[in-house]
Amino acid sequence: MKKQLKLQLLAIALISIIATIAVGCDRLLKKPFQLPPSAKQEPWPVQIGLRVGLIRDNIPTVNRIVLVPDEATFLAAIQKWNFKGHWPILIEDQKYAPMFLQRFQPEEIVRLPSIKQEIPKGQKLQQLMLKATAAAWNATDTQTLKAKWRELGWEPPGVVITSENDPARLAAVALAAARGQPLVFVEGNFGKPNDNLNTAQWKTLQTAVTKAVESTGYFYSQLGDAIDTITIVRQLAVKYQSPQKQDEQWAVTDGLGRHPNGERWAAAGWIYGSQVRSIYQAMCAIFLDSQTAMLYDSYPKEGNWGKYEMESAASGLKSIGLNVELVQKPQSTLQLWRSLVASKPWTFDLILMNSKGYPKSFQVGNGDASVEDIPKLKFPAAIHMIHSWSASDPDDANTVAGRWLQNGAYAYVGSVNEPLLSAFIPPKIMVDRLKRGAPFLIAARQLESPPWKVATIGDPLMSIAKPKPRIPAAQQPI
C-alpha cells in the first residue's frame, strides 16, 4: 500500500511539473504584440494598421490628462507610462491644450508643478530622451528596449527621427514611446519649413535619413518588412527641387523612404514647430478617436472630376460609425461655405475637401474663399485637401495649410506645387483604405507612383479608428 501511495504521489508531482512547464512554454509562445501569420497576407498599409492596433488592444488609455509647465516636467511625466496604461500629457497653454481637453473630456485633470530642473544638452539629453522612450515598455535603455520587444514579439512599424536641438524633440519621444518605435537623431541644417532644398541639400537629407533608419538594425528595404514608416519630428524644408523641371518642387515627405530608382520602402510623416504645438499634434494622433466628419465637394460630376465624388466616401465613413456631414454641388457655394464658417467653430474630427486654387485661396463651389475663410476649430482635426499649392508654405499662417495648422489641425495632406488631379487618391478609395485599418497619411497617398508633390504632415501611424474604451484614472495612479 505504501509503495502504491508513493507511486501515486510521484505521478501527481510529475503531472504538476509537466503542467508548469507547459504553462511556461505557453507563455513563451503567446506573444501579445505579435501579429498572427495570416496578417502577412494583407497589403502592407493594412499590416501597419494592425500592428498599431496591437498596442491599442494591449495597453489601455487611462481616462486622464496630465498638464505640465515645461519640457523637464514633461520628460519626467512621460516616464510614468507603462503596460498598465498611457494617458495624454501636454504642455499647458491657452490654445492647443484647451482644444484637446474639450475633445478628450477626461475624467481627471492633473496639473503637475515644475520639477525645476534644466534640460541637459548633447549626449546627456539624447540619453534622457531614450530613457523616457524605453520606460513606457518597462525597459531602461535602447538595448533593454530591443530585448523587451523581442520578448513580446513586437516588431517596430517605423522609426522616429528628431534633433536634440529642435523644439519639437519631445513630440518625438511621445511618438516613439506610444508606437513602439526606435528613436534616432539626425542633426544638421535641412532648411526651414517653407524652404526648397537644392539638389545637393536634398541628397544630403536622403542619405542622413536612410543611415538613421539603418542604424536601428531592423529590416527596412522592402514594404511589408519591419520598418515601413518614417516620422520626422524636427525642422526641415517641405519641398525640394525637381530633378526634371526647374520651375517645379516636389514634396520632401514623398521623396523620403525611397531607393535611388524611386521605389518606395517607407511612407513618411512630418511634425515640426513649437514645443507646445508639436506635442499637441503627437497627443492628438495617439489618443483622439474619430466620431465626426465634414466632406466638402466643390467639383462637378462630369469627366475626371466625377471620380472624386464624395457620396461613396460619406457612406464608407458612416459604415464605421462616423457622423458625416456631406456638402456637394449644387449646394456647395461660396455663400454656403462662409455661412458654415461664420456660424460657429467646427467640431469635425476629419475634414475631406475637394478644391482648386493657390497658396492663399481655394475654390468652394462658385467662387474663391481666402485664408480668412478657413474655419476656427473647436476640436483638433485631420485634414485632406485636394487642392494645388495649399502646402507650399505650411509655416506661413497666411497660406491654406499654414492657417489650418495654426487653427489646430494635427494632420494635413496637401500639395506643395501644381500636382495635377491624379496626384490625389479619390475619396472613395481613400476611405476604403481607412476602413481596412490603413493609417490616415498612408491611405491618402498614391503609393505606387514615383516621387511627386503631395506632402503629409503629422504622425504616419495615426488611424481613423473607432473610439477606444478607457480605464478609470483610479485604476492606474500616477
Protein backbone atom coordinates (compact mmCIF):
# COMPACT_ATOMS: atom_id res chain seq x y z
CA MET A 1 0.00 0.00 0.00
CA LYS A 2 2.83 2.41 0.90
CA LYS A 3 4.59 1.65 -2.37
CA GLN A 4 1.37 2.31 -4.31
CA LEU A 5 0.84 5.61 -2.43
CA LYS A 6 4.39 6.72 -3.23
CA LEU A 7 3.82 5.94 -6.91
CA GLN A 8 0.60 7.96 -6.87
CA LEU A 9 2.32 10.91 -5.22
CA LEU A 10 5.18 10.70 -7.71
CA ALA A 11 2.69 10.67 -10.59
CA ILE A 12 0.91 13.73 -9.19
CA ALA A 13 4.25 15.53 -8.83
CA LEU A 14 5.23 14.68 -12.40
CA ILE A 15 1.87 15.89 -13.71
CA SER A 16 2.34 19.13 -11.78
CA ILE A 17 5.86 19.64 -13.18
CA ILE A 18 4.69 18.92 -16.74
CA ALA A 19 1.79 21.32 -16.32
CA THR A 20 4.12 24.03 -15.01
CA ILE A 21 6.46 23.55 -17.97
CA ALA A 22 3.51 23.62 -20.36
CA VAL A 23 2.23 26.86 -18.87
CA GLY A 24 5.70 28.39 -19.16
CA CYS A 25 6.00 27.29 -22.78
CA ASP A 26 2.53 28.61 -23.50
CA ARG A 27 3.54 31.97 -22.08
CA LEU A 28 6.59 31.99 -24.31
CA LEU A 29 4.53 31.08 -27.36
CA LYS A 30 1.83 33.65 -26.71
CA LYS A 31 3.43 36.96 -27.63
CA PRO A 32 0.77 39.62 -27.14
CA PHE A 33 2.36 42.12 -29.54
CA GLN A 34 2.85 39.72 -32.43
CA LEU A 35 0.50 39.55 -35.41
CA PRO A 36 -0.88 36.17 -36.49
CA PRO A 37 0.74 34.70 -39.64
CA SER A 38 -2.45 35.37 -41.60
CA ALA A 39 -1.83 39.13 -41.29
CA LYS A 40 1.09 38.82 -43.70
CA GLN A 41 -1.44 38.22 -46.46
CA GLU A 42 -2.76 41.77 -46.05
CA PRO A 43 -1.40 44.75 -48.03
CA TRP A 44 1.44 46.47 -46.19
CA PRO A 45 -0.60 49.59 -45.20
CA VAL A 46 -3.17 47.32 -43.55
CA GLN A 47 -0.41 45.38 -41.80
CA ILE A 48 0.85 48.66 -40.31
CA GLY A 49 -2.62 49.48 -39.05
CA LEU A 50 -2.93 46.03 -37.50
CA ARG A 51 0.40 46.41 -35.73
CA VAL A 52 -0.56 49.77 -34.25
CA GLY A 53 -3.87 48.17 -33.25
CA LEU A 54 -1.98 45.62 -31.15
CA ILE A 55 -0.77 48.44 -28.90
CA ARG A 56 -4.30 49.82 -28.63
CA ASP A 57 -5.52 46.35 -27.66
CA ASN A 58 -2.78 45.63 -25.10
CA ILE A 59 -2.08 48.99 -23.47
CA PRO A 60 -5.20 50.76 -22.21
CA THR A 61 -5.81 54.50 -22.32
CA VAL A 62 -6.27 55.96 -18.85
CA ASN A 63 -9.11 58.48 -18.58
CA ARG A 64 -6.95 61.41 -17.51
CA ILE A 65 -4.93 64.28 -18.91
CA VAL A 66 -1.71 65.48 -17.33
CA LEU A 67 -0.77 69.11 -17.91
CA VAL A 68 2.81 70.22 -17.33
CA PRO A 69 4.50 73.64 -17.39
CA ASP A 70 7.79 72.81 -19.15
CA GLU A 71 9.94 70.30 -21.01
CA ALA A 72 11.75 68.86 -17.99
CA THR A 73 8.45 68.09 -16.25
CA PHE A 74 7.10 66.55 -19.47
CA LEU A 75 10.09 64.18 -19.66
CA ALA A 76 9.58 63.19 -16.03
CA ALA A 77 5.84 62.69 -16.52
CA ILE A 78 6.09 60.52 -19.64
CA GLN A 79 8.31 58.06 -17.79
CA LYS A 80 5.19 57.08 -15.81
CA TRP A 81 3.70 55.41 -18.89
CA ASN A 82 3.79 51.62 -18.68
CA PHE A 83 1.97 48.47 -19.84
CA LYS A 84 -0.90 49.22 -17.44
CA GLY A 85 -1.79 52.42 -19.21
CA HIS A 86 -0.90 55.53 -21.21
CA TRP A 87 -2.56 58.93 -20.95
CA PRO A 88 -2.18 62.29 -22.71
CA ILE A 89 0.47 64.70 -21.44
CA LEU A 90 0.53 68.26 -22.76
CA ILE A 91 2.46 71.42 -22.03
CA GLU A 92 -0.31 73.74 -20.86
CA ASP A 93 -1.08 76.78 -22.97
CA GLN A 94 -4.12 78.94 -23.78
CA LYS A 95 -4.89 77.48 -27.22
CA TYR A 96 -3.98 73.90 -28.05
CA ALA A 97 -4.34 72.27 -24.63
CA PRO A 98 -7.92 73.63 -24.22
CA MET A 99 -8.84 72.26 -27.68
CA PHE A 100 -7.54 68.84 -26.72
CA LEU A 101 -9.29 68.94 -23.34
CA GLN A 102 -12.64 69.82 -24.89
CA ARG A 103 -12.38 66.92 -27.32
CA PHE A 104 -10.91 64.28 -24.97
CA GLN A 105 -13.18 65.08 -21.99
CA PRO A 106 -11.10 63.32 -19.31
CA GLU A 107 -12.40 62.02 -16.03
CA GLU A 108 -9.35 63.50 -14.30
CA ILE A 109 -7.12 66.51 -15.00
CA VAL A 110 -3.76 66.54 -13.21
CA ARG A 111 -1.57 69.64 -13.21
CA LEU A 112 1.99 68.85 -12.24
CA PRO A 113 4.23 71.57 -10.76
CA SER A 114 7.56 72.16 -12.43
CA ILE A 115 10.34 69.84 -11.29
CA LYS A 116 12.59 72.91 -11.68
CA GLN A 117 15.40 71.18 -13.50
CA GLU A 118 17.32 72.29 -16.53
CA ILE A 119 17.20 70.12 -19.62
CA PRO A 120 20.71 68.74 -20.28
CA LYS A 121 22.42 69.18 -23.63
CA GLY A 122 24.20 66.96 -26.12
CA GLN A 123 24.67 63.28 -25.39
CA LYS A 124 23.11 63.57 -21.94
CA LEU A 125 19.89 64.91 -23.42
CA GLN A 126 19.79 62.12 -26.00
CA GLN A 127 20.23 59.54 -23.26
CA LEU A 128 17.44 61.11 -21.21
CA MET A 129 15.10 61.07 -24.22
CA LEU A 130 15.95 57.44 -24.99
CA LYS A 131 15.41 56.51 -21.34
CA ALA A 132 11.97 58.14 -21.37
CA THR A 133 11.07 56.22 -24.56
CA ALA A 134 12.18 52.91 -23.08
CA ALA A 135 10.35 53.44 -19.77
CA ALA A 136 6.96 53.06 -21.45
CA TRP A 137 7.96 49.47 -22.32
CA ASN A 138 9.40 48.63 -18.88
CA ALA A 139 12.94 48.99 -20.19
CA THR A 140 15.82 51.24 -19.22
CA ASP A 141 17.74 51.97 -22.43
CA THR A 142 17.93 51.12 -26.13
CA GLN A 143 19.42 47.65 -25.60
CA THR A 144 16.95 46.53 -22.92
CA LEU A 145 14.16 48.01 -25.02
CA LYS A 146 15.10 45.86 -28.01
CA ALA A 147 15.22 42.81 -25.73
CA LYS A 148 11.79 43.63 -24.33
CA TRP A 149 10.36 43.97 -27.83
CA ARG A 150 11.80 40.56 -28.80
CA GLU A 151 10.27 39.03 -25.69
CA LEU A 152 6.86 40.48 -26.53
CA GLY A 153 7.05 39.60 -30.22
CA TRP A 154 6.95 43.28 -31.16
CA GLU A 155 8.28 44.45 -34.50
CA PRO A 156 8.54 48.25 -34.78
CA PRO A 157 6.44 49.58 -37.68
CA GLY A 158 8.58 52.65 -38.15
CA VAL A 159 11.38 54.91 -36.97
CA VAL A 160 11.10 58.34 -35.33
CA ILE A 161 13.81 60.84 -36.30
CA THR A 162 14.46 64.07 -34.41
CA SER A 163 17.19 66.52 -33.43
CA GLU A 164 18.28 67.11 -29.86
CA ASN A 165 18.34 70.84 -30.64
CA ASP A 166 14.86 71.10 -32.15
CA PRO A 167 11.86 72.44 -30.17
CA ALA A 168 9.70 69.51 -31.40
CA ARG A 169 12.02 66.89 -29.89
CA LEU A 170 9.70 65.81 -27.06
CA ALA A 171 6.90 65.04 -29.51
CA ALA A 172 9.36 62.51 -30.95
CA VAL A 173 9.75 60.91 -27.53
CA ALA A 174 5.98 60.57 -27.20
CA LEU A 175 5.51 59.02 -30.65
CA ALA A 176 8.41 56.60 -30.20
CA ALA A 177 7.16 55.52 -26.77
CA ALA A 178 3.49 55.22 -27.69
CA ARG A 179 4.01 53.49 -31.05
CA GLY A 180 6.90 51.22 -30.06
CA GLN A 181 9.45 52.73 -32.45
CA PRO A 182 13.20 53.32 -32.27
CA LEU A 183 14.13 56.94 -31.61
CA VAL A 184 17.16 58.19 -33.56
CA PHE A 185 18.81 61.57 -34.01
CA VAL A 186 19.73 63.42 -37.20
CA GLU A 187 21.48 66.73 -36.70
CA GLY A 188 22.24 69.35 -39.33
CA ASN A 189 20.57 72.16 -41.24
CA PHE A 190 17.97 70.97 -43.75
CA GLY A 191 16.18 74.26 -44.22
CA LYS A 192 13.15 75.90 -42.67
CA PRO A 193 9.59 74.57 -43.24
CA ASN A 194 8.80 76.87 -46.17
CA ASP A 195 12.13 76.31 -47.92
CA ASN A 196 13.01 74.46 -51.11
CA LEU A 197 16.11 72.21 -50.89
CA ASN A 198 18.52 72.28 -53.79
CA THR A 199 19.80 69.01 -55.25
CA ALA A 200 22.86 68.76 -53.00
CA GLN A 201 20.87 69.53 -49.84
CA TRP A 202 18.22 67.02 -50.83
CA LYS A 203 20.75 64.22 -51.36
CA THR A 204 22.36 65.01 -48.02
CA LEU A 205 18.98 64.74 -46.27
CA GLN A 206 18.09 61.48 -48.05
CA THR A 207 21.40 59.92 -47.05
CA ALA A 208 21.12 61.07 -43.44
CA VAL A 209 17.58 59.68 -43.06
CA THR A 210 18.45 56.34 -44.66
CA LYS A 211 21.53 55.94 -42.44
CA ALA A 212 19.46 56.77 -39.37
CA VAL A 213 16.96 54.05 -40.24
CA GLU A 214 19.79 51.56 -40.98
CA SER A 215 21.31 52.28 -37.56
CA THR A 216 18.32 50.70 -35.81
CA GLY A 217 19.27 47.25 -37.10
CA TYR A 218 15.74 46.44 -38.30
CA PHE A 219 14.86 45.39 -41.84
CA TYR A 220 13.59 48.32 -43.83
CA SER A 221 14.40 47.94 -47.54
CA GLN A 222 11.07 46.42 -48.65
CA LEU A 223 7.47 47.30 -47.98
CA GLY A 224 5.95 44.76 -45.63
CA ASP A 225 9.12 44.17 -43.61
CA ALA A 226 9.71 45.72 -40.17
CA ILE A 227 10.21 49.43 -40.87
CA ASP A 228 7.56 50.84 -43.22
CA THR A 229 7.19 54.38 -41.88
CA ILE A 230 9.45 57.32 -41.10
CA THR A 231 8.29 60.03 -38.69
CA ILE A 232 10.38 63.19 -39.00
CA VAL A 233 9.96 65.35 -35.88
CA ARG A 234 12.14 68.38 -36.47
CA GLN A 235 12.50 71.41 -38.68
CA LEU A 236 13.27 70.85 -42.35
CA ALA A 237 12.10 72.08 -45.74
CA VAL A 238 8.70 70.98 -47.05
CA LYS A 239 9.89 70.72 -50.67
CA TYR A 240 12.92 70.03 -52.81
CA GLN A 241 13.93 70.99 -56.31
CA SER A 242 12.52 68.75 -59.02
CA PRO A 243 15.32 66.93 -60.85
CA GLN A 244 13.27 67.24 -64.04
CA LYS A 245 11.92 70.81 -64.21
CA GLN A 246 13.49 73.97 -62.83
CA ASP A 247 10.15 75.59 -62.00
CA GLU A 248 8.74 72.62 -60.06
CA GLN A 249 9.18 71.47 -56.48
CA TRP A 250 8.44 68.03 -55.05
CA ALA A 251 7.37 67.09 -51.52
CA VAL A 252 10.12 66.04 -49.11
CA THR A 253 7.77 63.63 -47.34
CA ASP A 254 7.07 61.86 -50.64
CA GLY A 255 10.73 61.72 -51.65
CA LEU A 256 11.98 60.18 -48.40
CA GLY A 257 11.81 56.42 -47.89
CA ARG A 258 12.81 55.65 -51.49
CA HIS A 259 15.58 53.68 -53.17
CA PRO A 260 17.75 55.51 -55.75
CA ASN A 261 15.45 54.24 -58.52
CA GLY A 262 12.46 55.90 -56.82
CA GLU A 263 10.94 52.67 -55.49
CA ARG A 264 9.27 53.22 -52.13
CA TRP A 265 10.42 51.39 -48.99
CA ALA A 266 8.59 53.56 -46.43
CA ALA A 267 5.93 56.26 -46.10
CA ALA A 268 6.87 59.45 -44.25
CA GLY A 269 5.09 61.91 -41.99
CA TRP A 270 6.38 65.14 -40.50
CA ILE A 271 5.82 67.18 -37.34
CA TYR A 272 7.62 70.46 -36.68
CA GLY A 273 7.18 73.68 -34.76
CA SER A 274 7.00 74.82 -31.16
CA GLN A 275 7.17 72.57 -28.11
CA VAL A 276 3.50 73.19 -27.37
CA ARG A 277 2.09 72.57 -30.85
CA SER A 278 4.27 69.60 -31.74
CA ILE A 279 3.41 67.77 -28.51
CA TYR A 280 -0.26 68.62 -29.08
CA GLN A 281 -0.10 67.11 -32.59
CA ALA A 282 1.53 63.96 -31.26
CA MET A 283 -1.00 63.53 -28.45
CA CYS A 284 -3.92 64.09 -30.84
CA ALA A 285 -2.56 61.39 -33.15
CA ILE A 286 -2.05 58.93 -30.29
CA PHE A 287 -5.18 59.44 -28.23
CA LEU A 288 -8.03 61.01 -30.18
CA ASP A 289 -10.61 58.84 -31.91
CA SER A 290 -12.82 59.91 -34.79
CA GLN A 291 -16.56 60.44 -34.45
CA THR A 292 -17.49 63.22 -36.90
CA ALA A 293 -16.52 64.18 -40.44
CA MET A 294 -17.10 67.04 -42.87
CA LEU A 295 -16.89 66.19 -46.59
CA TYR A 296 -16.98 69.27 -48.80
CA ASP A 297 -17.12 68.56 -52.55
CA SER A 298 -16.80 71.57 -54.87
CA TYR A 299 -16.16 69.52 -58.04
CA PRO A 300 -18.61 68.96 -60.90
CA LYS A 301 -19.93 65.44 -61.52
CA GLU A 302 -18.62 65.27 -65.09
CA GLY A 303 -15.33 63.95 -66.52
CA ASN A 304 -12.35 63.20 -64.29
CA TRP A 305 -13.81 65.47 -61.60
CA GLY A 306 -16.58 62.92 -61.12
CA LYS A 307 -14.06 60.30 -59.96
CA TYR A 308 -13.54 62.46 -56.88
CA GLU A 309 -17.17 62.43 -55.77
CA MET A 310 -17.73 62.13 -52.05
CA GLU A 311 -21.05 60.32 -51.67
CA SER A 312 -19.30 56.94 -51.65
CA ALA A 313 -16.73 58.19 -49.13
CA ALA A 314 -19.51 59.51 -46.90
CA SER A 315 -21.25 56.13 -46.95
CA GLY A 316 -17.98 54.40 -46.12
CA LEU A 317 -17.30 56.62 -43.13
CA LYS A 318 -20.85 56.16 -41.87
CA SER A 319 -20.36 52.39 -42.04
CA ILE A 320 -17.56 52.62 -39.46
CA GLY A 321 -19.65 54.76 -37.12
CA LEU A 322 -18.81 58.35 -38.01
CA ASN A 323 -21.44 61.06 -38.14
CA VAL A 324 -20.91 62.64 -41.55
CA GLU A 325 -21.95 65.99 -42.98
CA LEU A 326 -21.72 66.00 -46.78
CA VAL A 327 -21.88 69.19 -48.87
CA GLN A 328 -21.78 68.87 -52.66
CA LYS A 329 -22.97 70.67 -55.78
CA PRO A 330 -25.27 72.47 -56.26
CA GLN A 331 -25.30 73.25 -52.51
CA SER A 332 -21.53 73.86 -52.32
CA THR A 333 -21.18 77.59 -52.91
CA LEU A 334 -19.08 80.43 -51.56
CA GLN A 335 -22.13 81.76 -49.73
CA LEU A 336 -22.82 78.44 -48.02
CA TRP A 337 -19.15 77.95 -47.11
CA ARG A 338 -18.99 81.35 -45.45
CA SER A 339 -22.19 80.66 -43.56
CA LEU A 340 -20.77 77.37 -42.29
CA VAL A 341 -17.57 79.08 -41.21
CA ALA A 342 -19.27 82.05 -39.60
CA SER A 343 -21.87 80.11 -37.60
CA LYS A 344 -19.55 78.53 -35.00
CA PRO A 345 -16.15 76.85 -34.64
CA TRP A 346 -16.04 73.46 -36.35
CA THR A 347 -16.27 70.27 -34.31
CA PHE A 348 -15.30 67.77 -37.01
CA ASP A 349 -12.57 65.23 -36.31
CA LEU A 350 -11.98 64.57 -40.02
CA ILE A 351 -12.27 67.05 -42.91
CA LEU A 352 -12.04 65.95 -46.55
CA MET A 353 -12.24 68.68 -49.17
CA ASN A 354 -12.09 68.99 -52.96
CA SER A 355 -10.96 72.35 -54.24
CA LYS A 356 -8.89 74.28 -56.77
CA GLY A 357 -6.72 77.29 -56.20
CA TYR A 358 -3.45 78.74 -54.97
CA PRO A 359 -1.44 79.07 -51.74
CA LYS A 360 -3.77 81.74 -50.34
CA SER A 361 -7.13 80.91 -51.92
CA PHE A 362 -9.33 77.89 -52.55
CA GLN A 363 -12.48 77.35 -54.58
CA VAL A 364 -15.55 76.26 -52.63
CA GLY A 365 -18.05 75.95 -55.49
CA ASN A 366 -18.97 79.06 -57.41
CA GLY A 367 -16.24 81.31 -56.02
CA ASP A 368 -12.89 81.55 -54.26
CA ALA A 369 -12.50 81.65 -50.50
CA SER A 370 -9.47 83.25 -48.88
CA VAL A 371 -7.33 82.17 -45.98
CA GLU A 372 -9.54 84.30 -43.76
CA ASP A 373 -12.44 81.99 -44.66
CA ILE A 374 -10.77 78.94 -43.12
CA PRO A 375 -12.87 77.96 -40.11
CA LYS A 376 -11.90 78.19 -36.49
CA LEU A 377 -11.64 74.71 -34.97
CA LYS A 378 -13.16 73.87 -31.62
CA PHE A 379 -11.68 70.35 -31.76
CA PRO A 380 -8.44 69.06 -33.29
CA ALA A 381 -8.87 67.83 -36.87
CA ALA A 382 -7.19 65.70 -39.53
CA ILE A 383 -7.49 67.30 -42.97
CA HIS A 384 -7.15 66.01 -46.53
CA MET A 385 -7.26 68.79 -49.11
CA ILE A 386 -7.31 68.06 -52.83
CA HIS A 387 -6.00 71.42 -53.97
CA SER A 388 -2.93 72.82 -55.74
CA TRP A 389 -0.28 74.70 -53.76
CA SER A 390 -2.02 74.54 -50.36
CA ALA A 391 1.09 73.19 -48.57
CA SER A 392 3.73 75.21 -50.43
CA ASP A 393 4.49 77.29 -47.30
CA PRO A 394 2.98 75.43 -44.33
CA ASP A 395 4.72 77.60 -41.75
CA ASP A 396 3.00 80.73 -43.09
CA ALA A 397 -0.37 81.29 -41.42
CA ASN A 398 -1.45 83.35 -44.43
CA THR A 399 -1.49 80.24 -46.63
CA VAL A 400 -4.10 77.49 -46.71
CA ALA A 401 -2.16 74.73 -44.95
CA GLY A 402 -0.50 77.20 -42.61
CA ARG A 403 -3.85 78.54 -41.40
CA TRP A 404 -5.38 75.07 -40.93
CA LEU A 405 -2.32 74.05 -38.87
CA GLN A 406 -2.36 77.25 -36.85
CA ASN A 407 -6.08 76.73 -36.15
CA GLY A 408 -5.44 73.28 -34.70
CA ALA A 409 -5.13 70.70 -37.46
CA TYR A 410 -2.82 67.94 -36.26
CA ALA A 411 -2.58 66.06 -39.58
CA TYR A 412 -2.66 67.56 -43.05
CA VAL A 413 -2.40 66.25 -46.61
CA GLY A 414 -1.83 68.83 -49.36
CA SER A 415 0.33 69.71 -52.33
CA VAL A 416 3.50 71.83 -52.43
CA ASN A 417 3.10 72.68 -56.15
CA GLU A 418 0.66 72.15 -59.04
CA PRO A 419 0.33 68.35 -58.87
CA LEU A 420 -2.45 67.54 -61.39
CA LEU A 421 -5.63 65.89 -60.13
CA SER A 422 -4.28 62.35 -60.48
CA ALA A 423 -1.71 63.03 -57.73
CA PHE A 424 -4.53 62.59 -55.22
CA ILE A 425 -6.40 59.44 -54.26
CA PRO A 426 -10.17 59.64 -54.95
CA PRO A 427 -12.03 59.95 -51.62
CA LYS A 428 -13.81 56.60 -52.09
CA ILE A 429 -10.52 54.71 -52.42
CA MET A 430 -9.01 56.59 -49.51
CA VAL A 431 -11.95 55.76 -47.24
CA ASP A 432 -11.89 52.12 -48.35
CA ARG A 433 -8.28 52.00 -47.15
CA LEU A 434 -9.18 53.69 -43.87
CA LYS A 435 -11.95 51.18 -43.29
CA ARG A 436 -9.43 48.34 -43.59
CA GLY A 437 -7.23 49.99 -40.97
CA ALA A 438 -4.60 51.75 -43.07
CA PRO A 439 -3.25 54.86 -41.31
CA PHE A 440 -4.58 58.22 -42.49
CA LEU A 441 -1.47 59.68 -44.14
CA ILE A 442 -0.72 56.42 -45.94
CA ALA A 443 -4.32 55.91 -47.08
CA ALA A 444 -4.21 59.39 -48.62
CA ARG A 445 -1.17 58.74 -50.79
CA GLN A 446 -0.56 57.39 -54.29
CA LEU A 447 1.62 54.54 -53.08
CA GLU A 448 2.91 53.16 -56.39
CA SER A 449 3.83 56.44 -58.09
CA PRO A 450 7.34 57.96 -58.30
CA PRO A 451 8.18 60.90 -56.00
CA TRP A 452 5.83 63.81 -56.53
CA LYS A 453 4.23 66.82 -54.87
CA VAL A 454 1.85 65.76 -52.08
CA ALA A 455 3.10 66.48 -48.55
CA THR A 456 1.96 64.54 -45.48
CA ILE A 457 2.14 66.44 -42.20
CA GLY A 458 1.53 64.55 -38.96
CA ASP A 459 2.07 61.08 -37.50
CA PRO A 460 2.08 58.49 -40.31
CA LEU A 461 0.72 55.84 -37.91
CA MET A 462 -2.43 57.77 -36.94
CA SER A 463 -5.62 55.94 -37.91
CA ILE A 464 -9.26 56.91 -38.21
CA ALA A 465 -10.36 54.45 -35.56
CA LYS A 466 -13.49 53.75 -33.57
CA PRO A 467 -13.49 55.14 -30.01
CA LYS A 468 -11.36 53.10 -27.66
CA PRO A 469 -12.66 52.30 -24.14
CA ARG A 470 -10.68 53.92 -21.34
CA ILE A 471 -9.88 52.64 -17.88
CA PRO A 472 -10.74 54.79 -14.82
CA ALA A 473 -7.96 57.07 -13.58
CA ALA A 474 -8.13 55.49 -10.13
CA GLN A 475 -7.23 52.14 -11.68
CA GLN A 476 -3.81 53.41 -12.72
CA PRO A 477 -2.49 56.05 -10.30
CA ILE A 478 0.43 58.23 -11.32
